[in-house]
Amino acid sequence: GMVPALDGSVFVCLQGGRKIARLDNQMHESVLLDSYEGKKFNSPNDLVFAPDGSLWFTDPPYGLQGKDKSPDKELSFNAVFRYAHGRLTPAITDFTAPNGIGFSPDGKILYVSNTGPQMYVKAFDVGPHGKLSGGRILISYPNHAGGRGVPDGLKVDTAGNVWTTGPGGIRIITPQGKVLGQIKLPEV
């Protein structure tokens, strides 16, 4: 849950702190974001900059004791947020556990993993001002198909292939959803 910013600082998700912080080159921390409409985030997990400079992040309930049932949970949803020009917008609110996040090299497709209970990676078309459409399953893992583990982090390579964790290891998937290969790992 860290990403470098253009100014050389690093933005980091602090799950337990329920915020996104900025670390400068002296490791001084300042809060970038910690709430939406006066309600504290659940526990920001992963983040990425879009080619247009907007910051996107996932906010599952992992850092809350009891997760969705925690009395500390203030938001009624687990979101993918977009932050641009000082404005924070929940772009996706229907995932149960949004986790890994990444963009195609041209910024026209957003990929987001859902850890569970339904496990999948979805792809969305990205329009002007970050408007999402055409949500489609890139890969799903019914009943932990392929082994132990869950969809968690993901990255997109320069060819546009998605490298995503999931049951049984890391899968490399084309933008069309074809699995090119799997890196099997000895541990979850």
C-alpha atoms as a PDB file:
ATOM      1  CA  GLY A   1       0.000   0.000   0.000  1.00  0.00           C
ATOM      2  CA  MET A   2       2.598   2.591  -1.025  1.00  0.00           C
ATOM      3  CA  VAL A   3       3.085   4.663  -4.161  1.00  0.00           C
ATOM      4  CA  PRO A   4       5.644   7.344  -5.031  1.00  0.00           C
ATOM      5  CA  ALA A   5       4.322  10.810  -5.850  1.00  0.00           C
ATOM      6  CA  LEU A   6       5.754  13.093  -8.526  1.00  0.00           C
ATOM      7  CA  ASP A   7       7.354  15.356  -5.908  1.00  0.00           C
ATOM      8  CA  GLY A   8       9.420  12.468  -4.495  1.00  0.00           C
ATOM      9  CA  SER A   9       7.265  11.882  -1.450  1.00  0.00           C
ATOM     10  CA  VAL A  10       5.527   8.573  -0.832  1.00  0.00           C
ATOM     11  CA  PHE A  11       1.831   8.066  -0.173  1.00  0.00           C
ATOM     12  CA  VAL A  12       1.106   5.132   2.128  1.00  0.00           C
ATOM     13  CA  CYS A  13      -2.049   3.376   3.291  1.00  0.00           C
ATOM     14  CA  LEU A  14      -2.129   3.066   7.063  1.00  0.00           C
ATOM     15  CA  GLN A  15      -4.784   0.415   7.627  1.00  0.00           C
ATOM     16  CA  GLY A  16      -4.810   0.547  11.414  1.00  0.00           C
ATOM     17  CA  GLY A  17      -4.694   4.331  11.339  1.00  0.00           C
ATOM     18  CA  ARG A  18      -7.560   4.393   8.812  1.00  0.00           C
ATOM     19  CA  LYS A  19      -5.857   6.998   6.658  1.00  0.00           C
ATOM     20  CA  ILE A  20      -3.574   7.731   3.757  1.00  0.00           C
ATOM     21  CA  ALA A  21      -0.446   9.565   4.768  1.00  0.00           C
ATOM     22  CA  ARG A  22       2.282  11.371   2.874  1.00  0.00           C
ATOM     23  CA  LEU A  23       5.887  10.731   3.847  1.00  0.00           C
ATOM     24  CA  ASP A  24       8.365  13.377   2.778  1.00  0.00           C
ATOM     25  CA  ASN A  25      12.055  12.739   2.101  1.00  0.00           C
ATOM     26  CA  GLN A  26      12.782  13.171   5.836  1.00  0.00           C
ATOM     27  CA  MET A  27      10.129  10.534   6.692  1.00  0.00           C
ATOM     28  CA  HIS A  28       7.821  13.157   8.229  1.00  0.00           C
ATOM     29  CA  GLU A  29       4.241  11.992   8.071  1.00  0.00           C
ATOM     30  CA  SER A  30       1.280  14.181   7.219  1.00  0.00           C
ATOM     31  CA  VAL A  31      -2.307  13.059   6.699  1.00  0.00           C
ATOM     32  CA  LEU A  32      -3.496  13.278   3.115  1.00  0.00           C
ATOM     33  CA  LEU A  33      -6.942  11.696   3.574  1.00  0.00           C
ATOM     34  CA  ASP A  34      -8.726  10.007   6.475  1.00  0.00           C
ATOM     35  CA  SER A  35     -12.455  10.333   5.884  1.00  0.00           C
ATOM     36  CA  TYR A  36     -15.270  10.705   3.408  1.00  0.00           C
ATOM     37  CA  GLU A  37     -18.079  13.146   4.208  1.00  0.00           C
ATOM     38  CA  GLY A  38     -16.975  13.242   7.853  1.00  0.00           C
ATOM     39  CA  LYS A  39     -16.880   9.449   8.264  1.00  0.00           C
ATOM     40  CA  LYS A  40     -13.561   7.699   8.877  1.00  0.00           C
ATOM     41  CA  PHE A  41     -12.270   5.302   6.262  1.00  0.00           C
ATOM     42  CA  ASN A  42     -12.477   1.574   6.977  1.00  0.00           C
ATOM     43  CA  SER A  43      -8.800   0.717   6.428  1.00  0.00           C
ATOM     44  CA  PRO A  44      -7.177   1.913   3.191  1.00  0.00           C
ATOM     45  CA  ASN A  45      -5.266  -0.964   1.622  1.00  0.00           C
ATOM     46  CA  ASP A  46      -3.789  -0.383  -1.861  1.00  0.00           C
ATOM     47  CA  LEU A  47      -3.384   2.719  -3.995  1.00  0.00           C
ATOM     48  CA  VAL A  48      -2.268   3.795  -7.444  1.00  0.00           C
ATOM     49  CA  PHE A  49      -1.954   6.954  -9.489  1.00  0.00           C
ATOM     50  CA  ALA A  50      -3.839   7.037 -12.771  1.00  0.00           C
ATOM     51  CA  PRO A  51      -2.037   8.473 -15.791  1.00  0.00           C
ATOM     52  CA  ASP A  52      -4.167  11.632 -15.381  1.00  0.00           C
ATOM     53  CA  GLY A  53      -2.625  12.184 -11.917  1.00  0.00           C
ATOM     54  CA  SER A  54      -5.667  11.182  -9.868  1.00  0.00           C
ATOM     55  CA  LEU A  55      -5.082   8.946  -6.852  1.00  0.00           C
ATOM     56  CA  TRP A  56      -7.208   5.797  -6.540  1.00  0.00           C
ATOM     57  CA  PHE A  57      -7.343   3.531  -3.487  1.00  0.00           C
ATOM     58  CA  THR A  58      -9.224   0.594  -2.041  1.00  0.00           C
ATOM     59  CA  ASP A  59     -10.855   0.761   1.392  1.00  0.00           C
ATOM     60  CA  PRO A  60     -11.811  -2.716   2.665  1.00  0.00           C
ATOM     61  CA  PRO A  61     -12.673  -3.423   6.314  1.00  0.00           C
ATOM     62  CA  TYR A  62      -9.525  -5.493   7.078  1.00  0.00           C
ATOM     63  CA  GLY A  63      -8.103  -3.174   9.734  1.00  0.00           C
ATOM     64  CA  LEU A  64     -11.310  -3.133  11.759  1.00  0.00           C
ATOM     65  CA  GLN A  65     -11.772  -5.741  14.468  1.00  0.00           C
ATOM     66  CA  GLY A  66     -14.868  -7.629  13.340  1.00  0.00           C
ATOM     67  CA  LYS A  67     -14.459  -6.155   9.834  1.00  0.00           C
ATOM     68  CA  ASP A  68     -17.898  -5.166   8.461  1.00  0.00           C
ATOM     69  CA  LYS A  69     -19.506  -5.919  11.830  1.00  0.00           C
ATOM     70  CA  SER A  70     -17.130  -3.637  13.744  1.00  0.00           C
ATOM     71  CA  PRO A  71     -18.810  -0.959  15.848  1.00  0.00           C
ATOM     72  CA  ASP A  72     -16.009   1.336  14.635  1.00  0.00           C
ATOM     73  CA  LYS A  73     -17.074   1.051  10.976  1.00  0.00           C
ATOM     74  CA  GLU A  74     -18.500   4.413   9.951  1.00  0.00           C
ATOM     75  CA  LEU A  75     -18.972   3.976   6.194  1.00  0.00           C
ATOM     76  CA  SER A  76     -21.824   1.758   5.025  1.00  0.00           C
ATOM     77  CA  PHE A  77     -19.733   0.456   2.099  1.00  0.00           C
ATOM     78  CA  ASN A  78     -16.264  -0.794   1.193  1.00  0.00           C
ATOM     79  CA  ALA A  79     -15.137   1.426  -1.639  1.00  0.00           C
ATOM     80  CA  VAL A  80     -12.685   2.182  -4.353  1.00  0.00           C
ATOM     81  CA  PHE A  81     -12.107   5.922  -4.059  1.00  0.00           C
ATOM     82  CA  ARG A  82     -10.795   8.472  -6.568  1.00  0.00           C
ATOM     83  CA  TYR A  83      -9.062  11.639  -5.353  1.00  0.00           C
ATOM     84  CA  ALA A  84      -8.533  14.395  -7.910  1.00  0.00           C
ATOM     85  CA  HIS A  85      -8.312  18.182  -7.730  1.00  0.00           C
ATOM     86  CA  GLY A  86      -9.021  18.129  -3.981  1.00  0.00           C
ATOM     87  CA  ARG A  87     -12.212  16.113  -4.427  1.00  0.00           C
ATOM     88  CA  LEU A  88     -12.767  12.591  -3.057  1.00  0.00           C
ATOM     89  CA  THR A  89     -15.325  10.384  -4.810  1.00  0.00           C
ATOM     90  CA  PRO A  90     -16.369   6.784  -4.143  1.00  0.00           C
ATOM     91  CA  ALA A  91     -16.031   5.299  -7.640  1.00  0.00           C
ATOM     92  CA  ILE A  92     -17.061   1.731  -6.712  1.00  0.00           C
ATOM     93  CA  THR A  93     -19.171   0.800  -3.692  1.00  0.00           C
ATOM     94  CA  ASP A  94     -20.447  -2.703  -4.475  1.00  0.00           C
ATOM     95  CA  PHE A  95     -17.331  -4.792  -3.743  1.00  0.00           C
ATOM     96  CA  THR A  96     -17.334  -6.714  -0.470  1.00  0.00           C
ATOM     97  CA  ALA A  97     -13.544  -6.549  -0.054  1.00  0.00           C
ATOM     98  CA  PRO A  98     -11.778  -4.363  -2.652  1.00  0.00           C
ATOM     99  CA  ASN A  99      -8.054  -4.921  -2.507  1.00  0.00           C
ATOM    100  CA  GLY A 100      -5.474  -4.744  -5.321  1.00  0.00           C
ATOM    101  CA  ILE A 101      -5.779  -1.941  -7.855  1.00  0.00           C
ATOM    102  CA  GLY A 102      -4.030  -0.968 -11.092  1.00  0.00           C
ATOM    103  CA  PHE A 103      -4.409   0.766 -14.448  1.00  0.00           C
ATOM    104  CA  SER A 104      -3.673  -0.276 -17.991  1.00  0.00           C
ATOM    105  CA  PRO A 105      -0.666   1.593 -19.399  1.00  0.00           C
ATOM    106  CA  ASP A 106      -2.940   4.024 -21.268  1.00  0.00           C
ATOM    107  CA  GLY A 107      -5.168   4.561 -18.216  1.00  0.00           C
ATOM    108  CA  LYS A 108      -8.293   3.431 -20.056  1.00  0.00           C
ATOM    109  CA  ILE A 109      -8.889   0.308 -17.944  1.00  0.00           C
ATOM    110  CA  LEU A 110      -8.995   0.038 -14.158  1.00  0.00           C
ATOM    111  CA  TYR A 111      -8.453  -3.364 -12.533  1.00  0.00           C
ATOM    112  CA  VAL A 112      -9.605  -4.121  -8.981  1.00  0.00           C
ATOM    113  CA  SER A 113      -9.421  -7.388  -7.054  1.00  0.00           C
ATOM    114  CA  ASN A 114     -12.064  -8.538  -4.591  1.00  0.00           C
ATOM    115  CA  THR A 115     -10.733 -10.764  -1.831  1.00  0.00           C
ATOM    116  CA  GLY A 116     -13.980 -12.424  -0.854  1.00  0.00           C
ATOM    117  CA  PRO A 117     -16.239 -14.076  -0.196  1.00  0.00           C
ATOM    118  CA  GLN A 118     -16.566 -14.053  -4.001  1.00  0.00           C
ATOM    119  CA  MET A 119     -13.011 -13.867  -5.328  1.00  0.00           C
ATOM    120  CA  TYR A 120     -12.345 -12.115  -8.620  1.00  0.00           C
ATOM    121  CA  VAL A 121     -10.579  -9.362 -10.504  1.00  0.00           C
ATOM    122  CA  LYS A 122     -12.819  -6.936 -12.383  1.00  0.00           C
ATOM    123  CA  ALA A 123     -11.936  -4.612 -15.250  1.00  0.00           C
ATOM    124  CA  PHE A 124     -13.655  -1.257 -15.813  1.00  0.00           C
ATOM    125  CA  ASP A 125     -13.496   1.167 -18.703  1.00  0.00           C
ATOM    126  CA  VAL A 126     -12.344   4.593 -17.521  1.00  0.00           C
ATOM    127  CA  GLY A 127     -13.939   7.626 -19.125  1.00  0.00           C
ATOM    128  CA  PRO A 128     -13.513  11.363 -18.662  1.00  0.00           C
ATOM    129  CA  HIS A 129     -13.091  12.522 -15.053  1.00  0.00           C
ATOM    130  CA  GLY A 130     -12.655   8.903 -13.907  1.00  0.00           C
ATOM    131  CA  LYS A 131     -16.188   7.794 -14.755  1.00  0.00           C
ATOM    132  CA  LEU A 132     -16.276   3.987 -14.773  1.00  0.00           C
ATOM    133  CA  SER A 133     -18.365   1.764 -17.012  1.00  0.00           C
ATOM    134  CA  GLY A 134     -18.477  -1.743 -18.439  1.00  0.00           C
ATOM    135  CA  GLY A 135     -17.474  -3.596 -15.272  1.00  0.00           C
ATOM    136  CA  ARG A 136     -16.578  -7.156 -16.229  1.00  0.00           C
ATOM    137  CA  ILE A 137     -14.935 -10.135 -14.548  1.00  0.00           C
ATOM    138  CA  LEU A 138     -11.371 -10.589 -15.790  1.00  0.00           C
ATOM    139  CA  ILE A 139     -10.849 -13.748 -13.701  1.00  0.00           C
ATOM    140  CA  SER A 140     -12.765 -15.437 -10.919  1.00  0.00           C
ATOM    141  CA  TYR A 141     -11.763 -18.089  -8.419  1.00  0.00           C
ATOM    142  CA  PRO A 142     -14.786 -20.179  -7.435  1.00  0.00           C
ATOM    143  CA  ASN A 143     -14.259 -22.094  -4.191  1.00  0.00           C
ATOM    144  CA  HIS A 144     -10.542 -21.249  -3.993  1.00  0.00           C
ATOM    145  CA  ALA A 145      -9.951 -22.857  -7.391  1.00  0.00           C
ATOM    146  CA  GLY A 146      -6.251 -23.470  -7.788  1.00  0.00           C
ATOM    147  CA  GLY A 147      -5.178 -23.626  -4.149  1.00  0.00           C
ATOM    148  CA  ARG A 148      -4.926 -21.560  -1.000  1.00  0.00           C
ATOM    149  CA  GLY A 149      -4.796 -17.790  -1.034  1.00  0.00           C
ATOM    150  CA  VAL A 150      -6.984 -14.933  -2.221  1.00  0.00           C
ATOM    151  CA  PRO A 151      -6.906 -12.146  -4.804  1.00  0.00           C
ATOM    152  CA  ASP A 152      -4.854  -9.452  -3.144  1.00  0.00           C
ATOM    153  CA  GLY A 153      -2.308  -7.161  -4.775  1.00  0.00           C
ATOM    154  CA  LEU A 154      -1.980  -6.670  -8.503  1.00  0.00           C
ATOM    155  CA  LYS A 155       0.226  -4.815 -10.964  1.00  0.00           C
ATOM    156  CA  VAL A 156      -0.058  -4.151 -14.681  1.00  0.00           C
ATOM    157  CA  ASP A 157       3.012  -4.515 -16.890  1.00  0.00           C
ATOM    158  CA  THR A 158       3.964  -2.326 -19.864  1.00  0.00           C
ATOM    159  CA  ALA A 159       2.262  -4.779 -22.261  1.00  0.00           C
ATOM    160  CA  GLY A 160      -1.016  -4.362 -20.351  1.00  0.00           C
ATOM    161  CA  ASN A 161      -0.970  -7.814 -18.745  1.00  0.00           C
ATOM    162  CA  VAL A 162      -2.301  -8.054 -15.197  1.00  0.00           C
ATOM    163  CA  TRP A 163      -0.144  -9.836 -12.605  1.00  0.00           C
ATOM    164  CA  THR A 164      -2.462 -10.730  -9.762  1.00  0.00           C
ATOM    165  CA  THR A 165      -2.208 -12.792  -6.642  1.00  0.00           C
ATOM    166  CA  GLY A 166      -4.878 -15.427  -6.112  1.00  0.00           C
ATOM    167  CA  PRO A 167      -5.424 -18.976  -4.958  1.00  0.00           C
ATOM    168  CA  GLY A 168      -2.307 -21.002  -5.738  1.00  0.00           C
ATOM    169  CA  GLY A 169      -0.002 -18.111  -6.606  1.00  0.00           C
ATOM    170  CA  ILE A 170       0.333 -15.271  -9.100  1.00  0.00           C
ATOM    171  CA  ARG A 171      -1.449 -15.326 -12.436  1.00  0.00           C
ATOM    172  CA  ILE A 172      -0.470 -13.344 -15.499  1.00  0.00           C
ATOM    173  CA  ILE A 173      -3.596 -12.412 -17.452  1.00  0.00           C
ATOM    174  CA  THR A 174      -4.104 -10.576 -20.742  1.00  0.00           C
ATOM    175  CA  PRO A 175      -6.516  -7.622 -20.871  1.00  0.00           C
ATOM    176  CA  GLN A 176      -8.938 -10.022 -22.593  1.00  0.00           C
ATOM    177  CA  GLY A 177      -8.881 -12.405 -19.610  1.00  0.00           C
ATOM    178  CA  LYS A 178      -6.640 -15.152 -21.006  1.00  0.00           C
ATOM    179  CA  VAL A 179      -4.357 -16.672 -18.363  1.00  0.00           C
ATOM    180  CA  LEU A 180      -0.834 -16.653 -19.801  1.00  0.00           C
ATOM    181  CA  GLY A 181       0.718 -18.431 -16.852  1.00  0.00           C
ATOM    182  CA  GLN A 182       0.857 -18.967 -13.137  1.00  0.00           C
ATOM    183  CA  ILE A 183       3.703 -18.600 -10.698  1.00  0.00           C
ATOM    184  CA  LYS A 184       3.063 -21.203  -8.011  1.00  0.00           C
ATOM    185  CA  LEU A 185       4.315 -20.188  -4.603  1.00  0.00           C
ATOM    186  CA  PRO A 186       5.201 -22.434  -1.655  1.00  0.00           C
ATOM    187  CA  GLU A 187       3.250 -20.256   0.767  1.00  0.00           C
ATOM    188  CA  VAL A 188       0.138 -18.091   0.829  1.00  0.00           C
END
